[in-house]
Amino acid sequence: MSRDDDTEPGPHERWALLRHSIIGPLLARPPERGELAEALAELAAKEWKHPTRRGETVTFEAPTIEGWFYAARHAQDPMRVLRPKVRKDAGTHRSLSRVLRQALRGQYRAHPSWSYRLHHENLQAWAAERSKTASEEERARLRVPSYSVVRRYMKDTGLVKQPGRRSRHRQRERRSYEEEFVHAMWHADFHEGSLKIVTPDGALVAPELFAAIDDRSRLGCHLQWYLDVSTESFVHGLSQAFSKRGLPRKLMTDNGSAMKAAETCEGLRDLGIEHALTLVASPESNAKVESFWGQVEGRLLPMLEKVEDLTLEQLNDATVAWLEMGYNRRPHEEIGTTPLDRFLNERDVGRPSRSSEGLRDAFRRKVTRTVRRSDGTISLEGRRFEVPSAYRHLGRVCVRYARWDLSRVDLYDEREGKVLCRLRPLDKAKNADGRRRVLEPLPDAHLDEGAPKPEPEMAPLLRSYIADYEALGLPPAYVPKIDSDDEGGDQ
């Protein structure tokens, strides 16, 4: 998978990916009756790389793996059901009592420029003062948690500080392979055609053919010619293949930039499709789609070589007709039947596809951006987008978008794996009318009503320092200077 930009998956998604990789062989090759227990025992005996702790391994019991298998087997979105469940008390900061929250918010209103560490130490001093005369029950509510808890609470509720070498390739043996079930794996790739077409501006160019092939049946799931080999074109062709044939369990591609782009990787993760990349300098591992190009160059394009001024639209019309009425219905020498017959009559482990809108939403990258405190905006691809006021307290936000379509940018909750709201582009002309909406309340804002009002007095921590120093019983640390006028007046 690509590590482009901010596309590294979060901890919840890493756990889902690990669980999906463990049960992936069971989903692609469902065991026969009575063989499941043996397959689960083999998986339970293996060690797996820990998804969040580098260098560590982890094992799982057979019943645990069995639960994942049954949960994801018929799920429309297996990655969602395999995510770790979020704790019900996540984000509630239950170790910080209401009294301490009110005191902390009052302290912040009085000293917004203090650091988190200084707020924590002063809160400890404030609690220690009141604990001297408090009951046992009140002392429990005045117990200040760790610094990290206080800092996390302040960040989550908007109480932020105000400004006052490459491994050598090893040769491996080569063997032919074939999946046991339809939809267990697809192959996808681009191919530069030998026949040039005329573009609307009068140029002669060699188009690129996108193809998606099912490994078991050799069925051509979708073919389409494009003028470039971009991520947008790859996602466009792949989405049409999914809409027409359904979702496979695995997709094999080479290491092209479009195949490793953030939008492609995120979309396959969301759809629960394992992304298998060919080994370095080993294109033969994707040989089925490479072999398919011979059919295109040997049968399809020769029938178009006498067409004058061939356009992209004509080429695509002819290609779709050849695929559906010719290649898919013509007996395949290796499998002994037609690809369409094998695709329809053999066991299928695929899943229904999402809607067109759902596929567009899936193939979008996830990035993290810092929210500007001044106007609550973020920057994407040189453009600024407004974050709703309800989320203005978040220092960094996760958003999903496709680089070729900035009309749909969504605020995304990585822990829950769901979209929170749509982000709109910043409209400076509209903002110039002077009208402003009332800001929505921040988390725990209702506690401000009962919080103690800031008083013009010394900070709690400094008062405790003075009291502790006086309790030492040492001589005065300095002698006050007496002015000569005062001395004369006393005499």
Foldseek 3Di string as FASTA:
>chain_A
DDPPAPFDADPQLLQLVQLLVLCLVCLLPPDDPPCLQVSLVVSQPDWAQDSPDPPDTDGDHSVVSVVLCVQQQFDQWSSQSRGDDDDPCPPVLVQQALQLVLQLVQVCVVPLQDALVVSLLLLLLVLVVVVVPDDPVVNSNSDRDDSVSSVVNCLQQQSHHDPCDDDDDDDDDDDDDAGPAWLQEKEKDKDFDPAWAADPVGDTATWIKIWIATRHLRATLFIATDRDDALVVNLVGVLSSCQRQNHGQEYEYEPDCSCNDQLNVQLCSRSNHHYHYDDVPCCCVSVSVVVVVCCCRVPPVVVCRPPPNHHRVNSGVSVVCCRPVNQQQDQDPPVRGGSVVRNPPTHHSGHHGDDSVVSQQRSWGKHKFAADLVQQWTDDPRFIWHDALQCSSNGMWIWTDHPVDPVFIFTADSSSGDTDGTIDTDDVVVVVVVDDDDGDRTPPNVSNVVRDNDDPDDRSSVVVVVVVVVVVVDPDPDDDDDDPVVVVVVD
